[in-house]
Amino acid sequence: MTKKKVVVDMEIVEIIARRIATGGYNPRTMETYLLSDVTNEDYLPHIINHLVEVYGWELDADGIPRESN
């Protein structure tokens, strides 16, 4: 069985990570965008990586990103 190749749009990753990091809103729910709102498993690791690398978030013991103090 061949795994389907998924193309991740890094501009979308950047937009979502920025909204999560800055308390922006999720246009789907009209509430604050949370990491738990990301349901696409192909995008989630890229968003987490972006939060860590660009916004300086840290990973806790479970690998969940948290805003740095």
N, C-alpha and C. Protein backbone atom coordinates (compact mmCIF):
# COMPACT_ATOMS: atom_id res chain seq x y z
N MET A 1 0.84 -1.17 0.00
CA MET A 1 0.00 0.00 0.00
C MET A 1 0.89 1.24 0.00
N THR A 2 0.61 2.17 -0.88
CA THR A 2 1.38 3.40 -1.00
C THR A 2 0.73 4.50 -0.20
N LYS A 3 1.55 5.21 0.57
CA LYS A 3 1.04 6.33 1.34
C LYS A 3 0.85 7.53 0.43
N LYS A 4 -0.29 8.17 0.55
CA LYS A 4 -0.61 9.34 -0.27
C LYS A 4 0.26 10.52 0.16
N LYS A 5 0.87 11.18 -0.82
CA LYS A 5 1.70 12.35 -0.53
C LYS A 5 0.80 13.56 -0.34
N VAL A 6 1.02 14.26 0.77
CA VAL A 6 0.21 15.42 1.09
C VAL A 6 1.08 16.66 0.96
N VAL A 7 0.55 17.67 0.30
CA VAL A 7 1.26 18.93 0.17
C VAL A 7 0.72 19.87 1.23
N VAL A 8 1.63 20.38 2.06
CA VAL A 8 1.26 21.30 3.12
C VAL A 8 1.60 22.71 2.66
N ASP A 9 0.63 23.59 2.69
CA ASP A 9 0.83 24.97 2.30
C ASP A 9 1.40 25.73 3.50
N MET A 10 2.67 26.10 3.41
CA MET A 10 3.34 26.74 4.54
C MET A 10 2.79 28.13 4.84
N GLU A 11 2.16 28.77 3.88
CA GLU A 11 1.51 30.05 4.15
C GLU A 11 0.32 29.85 5.09
N ILE A 12 -0.43 28.77 4.88
CA ILE A 12 -1.55 28.44 5.77
C ILE A 12 -1.01 28.12 7.16
N VAL A 13 0.09 27.37 7.24
CA VAL A 13 0.72 27.04 8.52
C VAL A 13 1.07 28.33 9.26
N GLU A 14 1.67 29.28 8.56
CA GLU A 14 2.08 30.54 9.16
C GLU A 14 0.87 31.33 9.68
N ILE A 15 -0.18 31.39 8.90
CA ILE A 15 -1.38 32.13 9.29
C ILE A 15 -2.01 31.52 10.54
N ILE A 16 -2.15 30.21 10.55
CA ILE A 16 -2.77 29.55 11.71
C ILE A 16 -1.90 29.71 12.95
N ALA A 17 -0.59 29.49 12.81
CA ALA A 17 0.32 29.63 13.95
C ALA A 17 0.28 31.05 14.50
N ARG A 18 0.24 32.04 13.63
CA ARG A 18 0.18 33.43 14.07
C ARG A 18 -1.11 33.68 14.85
N ARG A 19 -2.21 33.18 14.35
CA ARG A 19 -3.48 33.38 15.05
C ARG A 19 -3.48 32.70 16.41
N ILE A 20 -2.90 31.51 16.48
CA ILE A 20 -2.82 30.82 17.77
C ILE A 20 -1.91 31.58 18.72
N ALA A 21 -0.76 32.02 18.24
CA ALA A 21 0.23 32.69 19.09
C ALA A 21 -0.23 34.06 19.57
N THR A 22 -1.04 34.74 18.79
CA THR A 22 -1.44 36.10 19.15
C THR A 22 -2.86 36.20 19.69
N GLY A 23 -3.51 35.06 19.88
CA GLY A 23 -4.87 35.10 20.40
C GLY A 23 -5.89 35.53 19.36
N GLY A 24 -5.53 35.32 18.10
CA GLY A 24 -6.44 35.67 17.01
C GLY A 24 -7.65 34.76 16.99
N TYR A 25 -8.60 35.06 16.11
CA TYR A 25 -9.82 34.27 16.10
C TYR A 25 -9.81 33.21 15.01
N ASN A 26 -10.57 32.18 15.27
CA ASN A 26 -10.78 31.10 14.32
C ASN A 26 -12.03 31.46 13.52
N PRO A 27 -11.91 31.69 12.22
CA PRO A 27 -13.07 32.10 11.44
C PRO A 27 -14.18 31.05 11.38
N ARG A 28 -13.83 29.81 11.67
CA ARG A 28 -14.84 28.75 11.66
C ARG A 28 -15.72 28.80 12.91
N THR A 29 -15.11 29.10 14.06
CA THR A 29 -15.85 29.11 15.33
C THR A 29 -16.14 30.52 15.83
N MET A 30 -15.44 31.52 15.27
CA MET A 30 -15.55 32.92 15.70
C MET A 30 -15.11 33.08 17.16
N GLU A 31 -14.24 32.19 17.62
CA GLU A 31 -13.67 32.27 18.96
C GLU A 31 -12.15 32.28 18.83
N THR A 32 -11.46 32.44 19.94
CA THR A 32 -10.00 32.44 19.94
C THR A 32 -9.49 31.14 19.35
N TYR A 33 -8.50 31.25 18.46
CA TYR A 33 -7.93 30.08 17.80
C TYR A 33 -7.04 29.33 18.79
N LEU A 34 -7.32 28.06 19.00
CA LEU A 34 -6.54 27.21 19.89
C LEU A 34 -5.88 26.11 19.09
N LEU A 35 -4.78 25.62 19.59
CA LEU A 35 -4.10 24.52 18.91
C LEU A 35 -5.03 23.32 18.76
N SER A 36 -5.89 23.12 19.71
CA SER A 36 -6.83 21.99 19.65
C SER A 36 -7.86 22.14 18.53
N ASP A 37 -7.98 23.34 17.96
CA ASP A 37 -8.88 23.56 16.82
C ASP A 37 -8.31 22.96 15.54
N VAL A 38 -7.02 22.68 15.51
CA VAL A 38 -6.38 22.14 14.31
C VAL A 38 -6.67 20.65 14.26
N THR A 39 -7.47 20.25 13.28
CA THR A 39 -7.86 18.84 13.17
C THR A 39 -7.14 18.12 12.04
N ASN A 40 -6.47 18.85 11.18
CA ASN A 40 -5.76 18.24 10.07
C ASN A 40 -4.42 17.71 10.56
N GLU A 41 -4.28 16.40 10.63
CA GLU A 41 -3.09 15.78 11.18
C GLU A 41 -1.84 16.00 10.32
N ASP A 42 -2.02 16.38 9.07
CA ASP A 42 -0.87 16.67 8.21
C ASP A 42 -0.30 18.05 8.55
N TYR A 43 -1.15 18.97 8.95
CA TYR A 43 -0.72 20.33 9.25
C TYR A 43 -0.25 20.49 10.69
N LEU A 44 -0.79 19.74 11.61
CA LEU A 44 -0.51 19.92 13.03
C LEU A 44 0.97 19.93 13.37
N PRO A 45 1.80 18.97 12.93
CA PRO A 45 3.21 19.03 13.30
C PRO A 45 3.93 20.25 12.73
N HIS A 46 3.51 20.73 11.58
CA HIS A 46 4.12 21.92 10.99
C HIS A 46 3.74 23.17 11.78
N ILE A 47 2.51 23.22 12.25
CA ILE A 47 2.07 24.36 13.06
C ILE A 47 2.80 24.37 14.39
N ILE A 48 2.93 23.20 15.02
CA ILE A 48 3.67 23.10 16.28
C ILE A 48 5.11 23.54 16.07
N ASN A 49 5.74 23.07 15.03
CA ASN A 49 7.12 23.44 14.73
C ASN A 49 7.25 24.95 14.53
N HIS A 50 6.30 25.54 13.84
CA HIS A 50 6.32 26.99 13.59
C HIS A 50 6.18 27.75 14.90
N LEU A 51 5.29 27.30 15.79
CA LEU A 51 5.12 27.95 17.08
C LEU A 51 6.41 27.91 17.89
N VAL A 52 7.12 26.79 17.81
CA VAL A 52 8.37 26.64 18.57
C VAL A 52 9.48 27.48 17.95
N GLU A 53 9.65 27.37 16.64
CA GLU A 53 10.77 28.05 15.98
C GLU A 53 10.59 29.56 15.83
N VAL A 54 9.40 29.99 15.49
CA VAL A 54 9.18 31.41 15.20
C VAL A 54 8.72 32.18 16.43
N TYR A 55 7.84 31.58 17.22
CA TYR A 55 7.25 32.30 18.34
C TYR A 55 7.88 31.95 19.68
N GLY A 56 8.87 31.05 19.67
CA GLY A 56 9.60 30.74 20.90
C GLY A 56 8.83 29.93 21.91
N TRP A 57 7.78 29.25 21.47
CA TRP A 57 7.04 28.41 22.39
C TRP A 57 7.92 27.23 22.78
N GLU A 58 7.62 26.64 23.92
CA GLU A 58 8.37 25.48 24.40
C GLU A 58 7.45 24.26 24.43
N LEU A 59 8.05 23.09 24.27
CA LEU A 59 7.28 21.86 24.36
C LEU A 59 7.33 21.36 25.79
N ASP A 60 6.17 20.96 26.34
CA ASP A 60 6.17 20.41 27.68
C ASP A 60 6.58 18.93 27.61
N ALA A 61 6.53 18.24 28.72
CA ALA A 61 6.98 16.85 28.78
C ALA A 61 6.19 15.93 27.85
N ASP A 62 4.97 16.32 27.53
CA ASP A 62 4.11 15.52 26.63
C ASP A 62 4.23 15.94 25.18
N GLY A 63 5.10 16.90 24.90
CA GLY A 63 5.28 17.37 23.54
C GLY A 63 4.24 18.38 23.10
N ILE A 64 3.50 18.93 24.06
CA ILE A 64 2.49 19.93 23.77
C ILE A 64 3.15 21.31 23.86
N PRO A 65 3.00 22.13 22.82
CA PRO A 65 3.63 23.45 22.87
C PRO A 65 2.90 24.39 23.83
N ARG A 66 3.66 25.16 24.55
CA ARG A 66 3.14 26.16 25.49
C ARG A 66 3.89 27.46 25.25
N GLU A 67 3.18 28.56 25.44
CA GLU A 67 3.82 29.86 25.32
C GLU A 67 4.92 29.98 26.36
N SER A 68 6.06 30.51 25.96
CA SER A 68 7.16 30.73 26.89
C SER A 68 6.86 31.91 27.79
N ASN A 69 7.36 31.85 28.99
CA ASN A 69 7.13 32.97 29.92
C ASN A 69 8.16 34.04 29.74
